[in-house]
PDB file of all heavy atoms in Angstrom:
ATOM      1  N   THR A   1     -22.485  13.726 -19.321  1.00  0.00           N
ATOM      2  CA  THR A   1     -21.435  12.922 -18.776  1.00  0.00           C
ATOM      3  C   THR A   1     -21.672  11.486 -19.025  1.00  0.00           C
ATOM      4  O   THR A   1     -20.816  10.589 -18.705  1.00  0.00           O
ATOM      5  CB  THR A   1     -21.349  13.089 -17.232  1.00  0.00           C
ATOM      6  OG1 THR A   1     -22.485  12.595 -16.497  1.00  0.00           O
ATOM      7  CG2 THR A   1     -21.153  14.620 -16.890  1.00  0.00           C
ATOM      8  N   VAL A   2     -22.837  11.104 -19.562  1.00  0.00           N
ATOM      9  CA  VAL A   2     -23.140   9.605 -19.696  1.00  0.00           C
ATOM     10  C   VAL A   2     -22.103   8.938 -20.555  1.00  0.00           C
ATOM     11  O   VAL A   2     -21.573   7.824 -20.142  1.00  0.00           O
ATOM     12  CB  VAL A   2     -24.542   9.476 -20.341  1.00  0.00           C
ATOM     13  CG1 VAL A   2     -24.769   8.082 -20.881  1.00  0.00           C
ATOM     14  CG2 VAL A   2     -25.681   9.796 -19.342  1.00  0.00           C
ATOM     15  N   GLN A   3     -21.708   9.485 -21.689  1.00  0.00           N
ATOM     16  CA  GLN A   3     -20.776   8.754 -22.491  1.00  0.00           C
ATOM     17  C   GLN A   3     -19.435   8.540 -21.861  1.00  0.00           C
ATOM     18  O   GLN A   3     -18.800   7.525 -21.913  1.00  0.00           O
ATOM     19  CB  GLN A   3     -20.552   9.485 -23.873  1.00  0.00           C
ATOM     20  CG  GLN A   3     -19.697   8.683 -24.886  1.00  0.00           C
ATOM     21  CD  GLN A   3     -19.780   9.183 -26.287  1.00  0.00           C
ATOM     22  OE1 GLN A   3     -18.725   9.430 -26.894  1.00  0.00           O
ATOM     23  NE2 GLN A   3     -20.991   9.525 -26.768  1.00  0.00           N
ATOM     24  N   SER A   4     -18.949   9.625 -21.186  1.00  0.00           N
ATOM     25  CA  SER A   4     -17.583   9.502 -20.513  1.00  0.00           C
ATOM     26  C   SER A   4     -17.675   8.480 -19.297  1.00  0.00           C
ATOM     27  O   SER A   4     -16.684   7.827 -19.103  1.00  0.00           O
ATOM     28  CB  SER A   4     -17.099  10.878 -20.027  1.00  0.00           C
ATOM     29  OG  SER A   4     -18.020  11.430 -19.105  1.00  0.00           O
ATOM     30  N   ARG A   5     -18.807   8.529 -18.697  1.00  0.00           N
ATOM     31  CA  ARG A   5     -18.895   7.550 -17.522  1.00  0.00           C
ATOM     32  C   ARG A   5     -18.965   6.112 -18.076  1.00  0.00           C
ATOM     33  O   ARG A   5     -18.365   5.196 -17.465  1.00  0.00           O
ATOM     34  CB  ARG A   5     -20.134   7.872 -16.724  1.00  0.00           C
ATOM     35  CG  ARG A   5     -20.032   9.221 -15.998  1.00  0.00           C
ATOM     36  CD  ARG A   5     -21.297   9.513 -15.220  1.00  0.00           C
ATOM     37  NE  ARG A   5     -21.398   8.671 -13.957  1.00  0.00           N
ATOM     38  CZ  ARG A   5     -22.413   8.705 -13.156  1.00  0.00           C
ATOM     39  NH1 ARG A   5     -23.524   9.511 -13.395  1.00  0.00           N
ATOM     40  NH2 ARG A   5     -22.436   7.856 -12.056  1.00  0.00           N
ATOM     41  N   SER A   6     -19.753   5.887 -19.169  1.00  0.00           N
ATOM     42  CA  SER A   6     -19.729   4.570 -19.711  1.00  0.00           C
ATOM     43  C   SER A   6     -18.352   4.153 -20.265  1.00  0.00           C
ATOM     44  O   SER A   6     -18.044   2.954 -20.187  1.00  0.00           O
ATOM     45  CB  SER A   6     -20.859   4.482 -20.873  1.00  0.00           C
ATOM     46  OG  SER A   6     -20.411   5.136 -22.013  1.00  0.00           O
ATOM     47  N   ALA A   7     -17.598   5.122 -20.775  1.00  0.00           N
ATOM     48  CA  ALA A   7     -16.239   4.890 -21.246  1.00  0.00           C
ATOM     49  C   ALA A   7     -15.342   4.375 -20.142  1.00  0.00           C
ATOM     50  O   ALA A   7     -14.489   3.527 -20.389  1.00  0.00           O
ATOM     51  CB  ALA A   7     -15.776   6.068 -21.939  1.00  0.00           C
ATOM     52  N   GLU A   8     -15.590   4.852 -18.919  1.00  0.00           N
ATOM     53  CA  GLU A   8     -14.679   4.436 -17.810  1.00  0.00           C
ATOM     54  C   GLU A   8     -14.881   2.955 -17.526  1.00  0.00           C
ATOM     55  O   GLU A   8     -13.899   2.232 -17.360  1.00  0.00           O
ATOM     56  CB  GLU A   8     -14.945   5.279 -16.577  1.00  0.00           C
ATOM     57  CG  GLU A   8     -14.482   6.686 -16.635  1.00  0.00           C
ATOM     58  CD  GLU A   8     -14.517   7.397 -15.231  1.00  0.00           C
ATOM     59  OE1 GLU A   8     -13.969   6.759 -14.321  1.00  0.00           O
ATOM     60  OE2 GLU A   8     -15.044   8.440 -15.170  1.00  0.00           O
ATOM     61  N   PHE A   9     -16.127   2.499 -17.464  1.00  0.00           N
ATOM     62  CA  PHE A   9     -16.366   1.105 -17.239  1.00  0.00           C
ATOM     63  C   PHE A   9     -15.913   0.235 -18.387  1.00  0.00           C
ATOM     64  O   PHE A   9     -15.325  -0.802 -18.250  1.00  0.00           O
ATOM     65  CB  PHE A   9     -17.887   0.859 -16.950  1.00  0.00           C
ATOM     66  CG  PHE A   9     -18.150  -0.521 -16.554  1.00  0.00           C
ATOM     67  CD1 PHE A   9     -17.833  -1.024 -15.302  1.00  0.00           C
ATOM     68  CD2 PHE A   9     -18.673  -1.440 -17.530  1.00  0.00           C
ATOM     69  CE1 PHE A   9     -18.096  -2.398 -14.995  1.00  0.00           C
ATOM     70  CE2 PHE A   9     -18.929  -2.770 -17.241  1.00  0.00           C
ATOM     71  CZ  PHE A   9     -18.712  -3.235 -15.929  1.00  0.00           C
ATOM     72  N   ASP A  10     -16.165   0.772 -19.688  1.00  0.00           N
ATOM     73  CA  ASP A  10     -15.734   0.020 -20.824  1.00  0.00           C
ATOM     74  C   ASP A  10     -14.253  -0.180 -20.866  1.00  0.00           C
ATOM     75  O   ASP A  10     -13.781  -1.302 -21.232  1.00  0.00           O
ATOM     76  CB  ASP A  10     -16.222   0.805 -22.066  1.00  0.00           C
ATOM     77  CG  ASP A  10     -16.008   0.036 -23.334  1.00  0.00           C
ATOM     78  OD1 ASP A  10     -16.852  -0.770 -23.652  1.00  0.00           O
ATOM     79  OD2 ASP A  10     -14.952   0.214 -23.970  1.00  0.00           O
ATOM     80  N   TYR A  11     -13.488   0.866 -20.457  1.00  0.00           N
ATOM     81  CA  TYR A  11     -12.065   0.739 -20.383  1.00  0.00           C
ATOM     82  C   TYR A  11     -11.557  -0.318 -19.350  1.00  0.00           C
ATOM     83  O   TYR A  11     -10.734  -1.150 -19.616  1.00  0.00           O
ATOM     84  CB  TYR A  11     -11.365   2.060 -20.115  1.00  0.00           C
ATOM     85  CG  TYR A  11      -9.911   1.990 -20.016  1.00  0.00           C
ATOM     86  CD1 TYR A  11      -9.091   1.991 -21.147  1.00  0.00           C
ATOM     87  CD2 TYR A  11      -9.266   1.950 -18.756  1.00  0.00           C
ATOM     88  CE1 TYR A  11      -7.664   2.001 -21.013  1.00  0.00           C
ATOM     89  CE2 TYR A  11      -7.879   1.824 -18.717  1.00  0.00           C
ATOM     90  CZ  TYR A  11      -7.139   1.897 -19.817  1.00  0.00           C
ATOM     91  OH  TYR A  11      -5.745   1.800 -19.689  1.00  0.00           O
ATOM     92  N   TRP A  12     -12.170  -0.267 -18.189  1.00  0.00           N
ATOM     93  CA  TRP A  12     -11.871  -1.215 -17.157  1.00  0.00           C
ATOM     94  C   TRP A  12     -12.230  -2.578 -17.633  1.00  0.00           C
ATOM     95  O   TRP A  12     -11.351  -3.573 -17.445  1.00  0.00           O
ATOM     96  CB  TRP A  12     -12.642  -0.950 -15.940  1.00  0.00           C
ATOM     97  CG  TRP A  12     -12.456  -2.045 -14.857  1.00  0.00           C
ATOM     98  CD1 TRP A  12     -11.406  -2.075 -13.962  1.00  0.00           C
ATOM     99  CD2 TRP A  12     -13.233  -3.197 -14.653  1.00  0.00           C
ATOM    100  NE1 TRP A  12     -11.628  -3.261 -13.185  1.00  0.00           N
ATOM    101  CE2 TRP A  12     -12.741  -3.907 -13.614  1.00  0.00           C
ATOM    102  CE3 TRP A  12     -14.443  -3.659 -15.281  1.00  0.00           C
ATOM    103  CZ2 TRP A  12     -13.284  -5.143 -13.213  1.00  0.00           C
ATOM    104  CZ3 TRP A  12     -15.034  -4.822 -14.843  1.00  0.00           C
ATOM    105  CH2 TRP A  12     -14.411  -5.562 -13.796  1.00  0.00           C
ATOM    106  N   LEU A  13     -13.343  -2.822 -18.231  1.00  0.00           N
ATOM    107  CA  LEU A  13     -13.721  -4.141 -18.668  1.00  0.00           C
ATOM    108  C   LEU A  13     -12.791  -4.723 -19.754  1.00  0.00           C
ATOM    109  O   LEU A  13     -12.375  -5.870 -19.659  1.00  0.00           O
ATOM    110  CB  LEU A  13     -15.184  -4.129 -19.161  1.00  0.00           C
ATOM    111  CG  LEU A  13     -15.880  -5.457 -19.507  1.00  0.00           C
ATOM    112  CD1 LEU A  13     -15.965  -6.410 -18.305  1.00  0.00           C
ATOM    113  CD2 LEU A  13     -17.213  -5.229 -20.137  1.00  0.00           C
ATOM    114  N   THR A  14     -12.467  -3.813 -20.732  1.00  0.00           N
ATOM    115  CA  THR A  14     -11.623  -4.295 -21.829  1.00  0.00           C
ATOM    116  C   THR A  14     -10.238  -4.574 -21.285  1.00  0.00           C
ATOM    117  O   THR A  14      -9.611  -5.613 -21.683  1.00  0.00           O
ATOM    118  CB  THR A  14     -11.586  -3.227 -22.876  1.00  0.00           C
ATOM    119  OG1 THR A  14     -12.960  -3.071 -23.358  1.00  0.00           O
ATOM    120  CG2 THR A  14     -10.682  -3.607 -23.992  1.00  0.00           C
ATOM    121  N   GLN A  15      -9.703  -3.756 -20.402  1.00  0.00           N
ATOM    122  CA  GLN A  15      -8.346  -4.066 -19.805  1.00  0.00           C
ATOM    123  C   GLN A  15      -8.354  -5.370 -19.015  1.00  0.00           C
ATOM    124  O   GLN A  15      -7.397  -6.131 -19.141  1.00  0.00           O
ATOM    125  CB  GLN A  15      -7.903  -2.868 -18.967  1.00  0.00           C
ATOM    126  CG  GLN A  15      -7.507  -1.616 -19.652  1.00  0.00           C
ATOM    127  CD  GLN A  15      -6.345  -1.856 -20.565  1.00  0.00           C
ATOM    128  OE1 GLN A  15      -6.489  -1.864 -21.808  1.00  0.00           O
ATOM    129  NE2 GLN A  15      -5.192  -2.090 -20.044  1.00  0.00           N
ATOM    130  N   THR A  16      -9.423  -5.579 -18.277  1.00  0.00           N
ATOM    131  CA  THR A  16      -9.523  -6.846 -17.468  1.00  0.00           C
ATOM    132  C   THR A  16      -9.568  -8.059 -18.357  1.00  0.00           C
ATOM    133  O   THR A  16      -8.934  -9.104 -18.035  1.00  0.00           O
ATOM    134  CB  THR A  16     -10.751  -6.787 -16.635  1.00  0.00           C
ATOM    135  OG1 THR A  16     -10.708  -5.650 -15.766  1.00  0.00           O
ATOM    136  CG2 THR A  16     -10.944  -8.020 -15.800  1.00  0.00           C
ATOM    137  N   LEU A  17     -10.181  -7.974 -19.457  1.00  0.00           N
ATOM    138  CA  LEU A  17     -10.328  -9.135 -20.379  1.00  0.00           C
ATOM    139  C   LEU A  17      -9.268  -9.372 -21.324  1.00  0.00           C
ATOM    140  O   LEU A  17      -8.913 -10.418 -21.729  1.00  0.00           O
ATOM    141  CB  LEU A  17     -11.632  -9.029 -21.179  1.00  0.00           C
ATOM    142  CG  LEU A  17     -12.955  -9.073 -20.324  1.00  0.00           C
ATOM    143  CD1 LEU A  17     -14.177  -8.807 -21.198  1.00  0.00           C
ATOM    144  CD2 LEU A  17     -13.120 -10.379 -19.518  1.00  0.00           C
ATOM    145  N   THR A  18      -8.590  -8.228 -21.745  1.00  0.00           N
ATOM    146  CA  THR A  18      -7.663  -8.300 -22.860  1.00  0.00           C
ATOM    147  C   THR A  18      -6.182  -8.064 -22.401  1.00  0.00           C
ATOM    148  O   THR A  18      -5.271  -8.461 -23.235  1.00  0.00           O
ATOM    149  CB  THR A  18      -7.966  -7.331 -23.969  1.00  0.00           C
ATOM    150  OG1 THR A  18      -7.838  -5.969 -23.481  1.00  0.00           O
ATOM    151  CG2 THR A  18      -9.458  -7.549 -24.372  1.00  0.00           C
ATOM    152  N   ALA A  19      -5.897  -7.402 -21.332  1.00  0.00           N
ATOM    153  CA  ALA A  19      -4.557  -7.055 -20.988  1.00  0.00           C
ATOM    154  C   ALA A  19      -3.824  -8.398 -20.571  1.00  0.00           C
ATOM    155  O   ALA A  19      -4.406  -9.336 -20.241  1.00  0.00           O
ATOM    156  CB  ALA A  19      -4.486  -6.019 -19.866  1.00  0.00           C
ATOM    157  N   SER A  20      -2.520  -8.218 -20.541  1.00  0.00           N
ATOM    158  CA  SER A  20      -1.722  -9.378 -20.210  1.00  0.00           C
ATOM    159  C   SER A  20      -1.595  -9.605 -18.602  1.00  0.00           C
ATOM    160  O   SER A  20      -0.539  -9.542 -18.078  1.00  0.00           O
ATOM    161  CB  SER A  20      -0.299  -9.239 -20.712  1.00  0.00           C
ATOM    162  OG  SER A  20      -0.287  -9.158 -22.120  1.00  0.00           O
ATOM    163  N   VAL A  21      -2.760  -9.867 -18.074  1.00  0.00           N
ATOM    164  CA  VAL A  21      -2.771 -10.244 -16.686  1.00  0.00           C
ATOM    165  C   VAL A  21      -3.150 -11.767 -16.631  1.00  0.00           C
ATOM    166  O   VAL A  21      -3.628 -12.314 -17.579  1.00  0.00           O
ATOM    167  CB  VAL A  21      -3.911  -9.455 -15.920  1.00  0.00           C
ATOM    168  CG1 VAL A  21      -3.546  -8.005 -15.830  1.00  0.00           C
ATOM    169  CG2 VAL A  21      -5.240  -9.705 -16.522  1.00  0.00           C
ATOM    170  N   ASN A  22      -2.725 -12.364 -15.549  1.00  0.00           N
ATOM    171  CA  ASN A  22      -3.061 -13.827 -15.471  1.00  0.00           C
ATOM    172  C   ASN A  22      -4.460 -14.060 -15.191  1.00  0.00           C
ATOM    173  O   ASN A  22      -5.207 -13.238 -14.805  1.00  0.00           O
ATOM    174  CB  ASN A  22      -2.117 -14.529 -14.444  1.00  0.00           C
ATOM    175  CG  ASN A  22      -2.292 -14.123 -13.052  1.00  0.00           C
ATOM    176  OD1 ASN A  22      -3.413 -13.975 -12.599  1.00  0.00           O
ATOM    177  ND2 ASN A  22      -1.225 -13.979 -12.295  1.00  0.00           N
ATOM    178  N   THR A  23      -4.877 -15.293 -15.434  1.00  0.00           N
ATOM    179  CA  THR A  23      -6.277 -15.626 -15.363  1.00  0.00           C
ATOM    180  C   THR A  23      -6.767 -15.445 -13.936  1.00  0.00           C
ATOM    181  O   THR A  23      -7.960 -15.016 -13.802  1.00  0.00           O
ATOM    182  CB  THR A  23      -6.409 -17.085 -15.737  1.00  0.00           C
ATOM    183  OG1 THR A  23      -6.065 -17.281 -17.109  1.00  0.00           O
ATOM    184  CG2 THR A  23      -7.901 -17.584 -15.604  1.00  0.00           C
ATOM    185  N   ALA A  24      -6.007 -15.785 -12.843  1.00  0.00           N
ATOM    186  CA  ALA A  24      -6.491 -15.568 -11.515  1.00  0.00           C
ATOM    187  C   ALA A  24      -6.766 -14.125 -11.322  1.00  0.00           C
ATOM    188  O   ALA A  24      -7.787 -13.811 -10.622  1.00  0.00           O
ATOM    189  CB  ALA A  24      -5.433 -16.124 -10.576  1.00  0.00           C
ATOM    190  N   GLU A  25      -5.984 -13.233 -11.724  1.00  0.00           N
ATOM    191  CA  GLU A  25      -6.243 -11.757 -11.499  1.00  0.00           C
ATOM    192  C   GLU A  25      -7.427 -11.314 -12.298  1.00  0.00           C
ATOM    193  O   GLU A  25      -8.274 -10.546 -11.730  1.00  0.00           O
ATOM    194  CB  GLU A  25      -4.989 -10.992 -12.041  1.00  0.00           C
ATOM    195  CG  GLU A  25      -3.796 -11.158 -11.105  1.00  0.00           C
ATOM    196  CD  GLU A  25      -2.608 -10.326 -11.641  1.00  0.00           C
ATOM    197  OE1 GLU A  25      -2.685  -9.776 -12.796  1.00  0.00           O
ATOM    198  OE2 GLU A  25      -1.544 -10.346 -10.953  1.00  0.00           O
ATOM    199  N   ALA A  26      -7.672 -11.731 -13.495  1.00  0.00           N
ATOM    200  CA  ALA A  26      -8.832 -11.403 -14.213  1.00  0.00           C
ATOM    201  C   ALA A  26     -10.046 -11.970 -13.557  1.00  0.00           C
ATOM    202  O   ALA A  26     -11.089 -11.267 -13.496  1.00  0.00           O
ATOM    203  CB  ALA A  26      -8.734 -11.890 -15.644  1.00  0.00           C
ATOM    204  N   LYS A  27     -10.002 -13.176 -13.085  1.00  0.00           N
ATOM    205  CA  LYS A  27     -11.138 -13.864 -12.428  1.00  0.00           C
ATOM    206  C   LYS A  27     -11.483 -13.057 -11.147  1.00  0.00           C
ATOM    207  O   LYS A  27     -12.732 -12.855 -10.894  1.00  0.00           O
ATOM    208  CB  LYS A  27     -10.819 -15.272 -12.055  1.00  0.00           C
ATOM    209  CG  LYS A  27     -12.110 -16.050 -11.493  1.00  0.00           C
ATOM    210  CD  LYS A  27     -11.714 -17.417 -11.098  1.00  0.00           C
ATOM    211  CE  LYS A  27     -11.394 -18.353 -12.323  1.00  0.00           C
ATOM    212  NZ  LYS A  27     -11.333 -19.808 -11.903  1.00  0.00           N
ATOM    213  N   THR A  28     -10.505 -12.675 -10.398  1.00  0.00           N
ATOM    214  CA  THR A  28     -10.789 -11.842  -9.205  1.00  0.00           C
ATOM    215  C   THR A  28     -11.499 -10.521  -9.511  1.00  0.00           C
ATOM    216  O   THR A  28     -12.388 -10.085  -8.886  1.00  0.00           O
ATOM    217  CB  THR A  28      -9.497 -11.654  -8.399  1.00  0.00           C
ATOM    218  OG1 THR A  28      -8.946 -12.926  -8.033  1.00  0.00           O
ATOM    219  CG2 THR A  28      -9.732 -10.786  -7.153  1.00  0.00           C
ATOM    220  N   ALA A  29     -10.900  -9.908 -10.545  1.00  0.00           N
ATOM    221  CA  ALA A  29     -11.475  -8.542 -10.929  1.00  0.00           C
ATOM    222  C   ALA A  29     -12.955  -8.743 -11.436  1.00  0.00           C
ATOM    223  O   ALA A  29     -13.807  -7.905 -11.026  1.00  0.00           O
ATOM    224  CB  ALA A  29     -10.619  -8.021 -12.082  1.00  0.00           C
ATOM    225  N   LEU A  30     -13.251  -9.770 -12.149  1.00  0.00           N
ATOM    226  CA  LEU A  30     -14.634  -9.942 -12.616  1.00  0.00           C
ATOM    227  C   LEU A  30     -15.504 -10.351 -11.539  1.00  0.00           C
ATOM    228  O   LEU A  30     -16.784 -10.024 -11.461  1.00  0.00           O
ATOM    229  CB  LEU A  30     -14.617 -10.954 -13.777  1.00  0.00           C
ATOM    230  CG  LEU A  30     -14.050 -10.551 -15.129  1.00  0.00           C
ATOM    231  CD1 LEU A  30     -14.039 -11.732 -16.066  1.00  0.00           C
ATOM    232  CD2 LEU A  30     -14.883  -9.451 -15.681  1.00  0.00           C
ATOM    233  N   THR A  31     -15.022 -11.132 -10.601  1.00  0.00           N
ATOM    234  CA  THR A  31     -15.770 -11.574  -9.380  1.00  0.00           C
ATOM    235  C   THR A  31     -16.228 -10.325  -8.610  1.00  0.00           C
ATOM    236  O   THR A  31     -17.337 -10.238  -8.099  1.00  0.00           O
ATOM    237  CB  THR A  31     -15.050 -12.528  -8.529  1.00  0.00           C
ATOM    238  OG1 THR A  31     -14.756 -13.672  -9.338  1.00  0.00           O
ATOM    239  CG2 THR A  31     -15.871 -12.964  -7.315  1.00  0.00           C
ATOM    240  N   HIS A  32     -15.299  -9.294  -8.558  1.00  0.00           N
ATOM    241  CA  HIS A  32     -15.581  -8.153  -7.765  1.00  0.00           C
ATOM    242  C   HIS A  32     -15.772  -6.972  -8.667  1.00  0.00           C
ATOM    243  O   HIS A  32     -15.363  -5.801  -8.433  1.00  0.00           O
ATOM    244  CB  HIS A  32     -14.406  -7.816  -6.803  1.00  0.00           C
ATOM    245  CG  HIS A  32     -14.097  -9.019  -5.883  1.00  0.00           C
ATOM    246  ND1 HIS A  32     -14.871  -9.201  -4.766  1.00  0.00           N
ATOM    247  CD2 HIS A  32     -13.185  -9.969  -5.895  1.00  0.00           C
ATOM    248  CE1 HIS A  32     -14.513 -10.251  -4.148  1.00  0.00           C
ATOM    249  NE2 HIS A  32     -13.404 -10.763  -4.675  1.00  0.00           N
ATOM    250  N   TRP A  33     -16.540  -7.190  -9.782  1.00  0.00           N
ATOM    251  CA  TRP A  33     -16.708  -6.168 -10.827  1.00  0.00           C
ATOM    252  C   TRP A  33     -17.404  -4.945 -10.252  1.00  0.00           C
ATOM    253  O   TRP A  33     -17.127  -3.807 -10.887  1.00  0.00           O
ATOM    254  CB  TRP A  33     -17.611  -6.762 -11.942  1.00  0.00           C
ATOM    255  CG  TRP A  33     -19.038  -6.969 -11.561  1.00  0.00           C
ATOM    256  CD1 TRP A  33     -19.567  -8.067 -11.005  1.00  0.00           C
ATOM    257  CD2 TRP A  33     -20.070  -6.027 -11.634  1.00  0.00           C
ATOM    258  NE1 TRP A  33     -20.857  -7.866 -10.693  1.00  0.00           N
ATOM    259  CE2 TRP A  33     -21.259  -6.673 -11.100  1.00  0.00           C
ATOM    260  CE3 TRP A  33     -20.196  -4.721 -12.176  1.00  0.00           C
ATOM    261  CZ2 TRP A  33     -22.477  -5.976 -11.072  1.00  0.00           C
ATOM    262  CZ3 TRP A  33     -21.386  -4.056 -12.096  1.00  0.00           C
ATOM    263  CH2 TRP A  33     -22.559  -4.731 -11.592  1.00  0.00           C
ATOM    264  N   GLN A  34     -18.108  -5.018  -9.155  1.00  0.00           N
ATOM    265  CA  GLN A  34     -18.795  -3.812  -8.608  1.00  0.00           C
ATOM    266  C   GLN A  34     -17.844  -2.849  -8.103  1.00  0.00           C
ATOM    267  O   GLN A  34     -18.267  -1.658  -7.926  1.00  0.00           O
ATOM    268  CB  GLN A  34     -19.714  -4.268  -7.480  1.00  0.00           C
ATOM    269  CG  GLN A  34     -20.860  -5.144  -7.948  1.00  0.00           C
ATOM    270  CD  GLN A  34     -21.816  -5.501  -6.755  1.00  0.00           C
ATOM    271  OE1 GLN A  34     -22.320  -4.618  -6.105  1.00  0.00           O
ATOM    272  NE2 GLN A  34     -22.058  -6.855  -6.628  1.00  0.00           N
ATOM    273  N   ALA A  35     -16.547  -3.179  -7.883  1.00  0.00           N
ATOM    274  CA  ALA A  35     -15.546  -2.183  -7.499  1.00  0.00           C
ATOM    275  C   ALA A  35     -14.979  -1.464  -8.609  1.00  0.00           C
ATOM    276  O   ALA A  35     -14.182  -0.537  -8.464  1.00  0.00           O
ATOM    277  CB  ALA A  35     -14.384  -2.942  -6.709  1.00  0.00           C
ATOM    278  N   ALA A  36     -15.342  -1.790  -9.829  1.00  0.00           N
ATOM    279  CA  ALA A  36     -14.754  -1.100 -11.057  1.00  0.00           C
ATOM    280  C   ALA A  36     -15.319   0.305 -11.108  1.00  0.00           C
ATOM    281  O   ALA A  36     -16.395   0.675 -10.597  1.00  0.00           O
ATOM    282  CB  ALA A  36     -15.116  -1.890 -12.283  1.00  0.00           C
ATOM    283  N   PRO A  37     -14.638   1.175 -11.866  1.00  0.00           N
ATOM    284  CA  PRO A  37     -15.148   2.550 -12.078  1.00  0.00           C
ATOM    285  C   PRO A  37     -16.480   2.554 -12.766  1.00  0.00           C
ATOM    286  O   PRO A  37     -16.653   1.911 -13.751  1.00  0.00           O
ATOM    287  CB  PRO A  37     -14.047   3.170 -12.956  1.00  0.00           C
ATOM    288  CG  PRO A  37     -12.916   2.330 -12.779  1.00  0.00           C
ATOM    289  CD  PRO A  37     -13.254   0.941 -12.500  1.00  0.00           C
ATOM    290  N   GLU A  38     -17.449   3.237 -12.219  1.00  0.00           N
ATOM    291  CA  GLU A  38     -18.727   3.449 -12.734  1.00  0.00           C
ATOM    292  C   GLU A  38     -19.512   2.168 -12.975  1.00  0.00           C
ATOM    293  O   GLU A  38     -20.367   2.017 -13.817  1.00  0.00           O
ATOM    294  CB  GLU A  38     -18.749   4.279 -14.113  1.00  0.00           C
ATOM    295  CG  GLU A  38     -18.074   5.586 -13.976  1.00  0.00           C
ATOM    296  CD  GLU A  38     -18.902   6.662 -13.137  1.00  0.00           C
ATOM    297  OE1 GLU A  38     -20.036   6.279 -12.767  1.00  0.00           O
ATOM    298  OE2 GLU A  38     -18.410   7.753 -12.942  1.00  0.00           O
ATOM    299  N   ALA A  39     -19.210   1.113 -12.094  1.00  0.00           N
ATOM    300  CA  ALA A  39     -19.791  -0.167 -12.247  1.00  0.00           C
ATOM    301  C   ALA A  39     -21.348  -0.089 -12.094  1.00  0.00           C
ATOM    302  O   ALA A  39     -22.052  -0.592 -12.981  1.00  0.00           O
ATOM    303  CB  ALA A  39     -19.191  -1.140 -11.208  1.00  0.00           C
TER     304      ALA A  39
END
């Protein structure tokens, strides 16, 4: 399950950094990164 679990966090991180969300939302998400899937 290691690869699939790492993929969950990778997807969250990439969406947070690259998706069309505003800077404040991305900053909040990164500040609270421990709440991300498989963080």
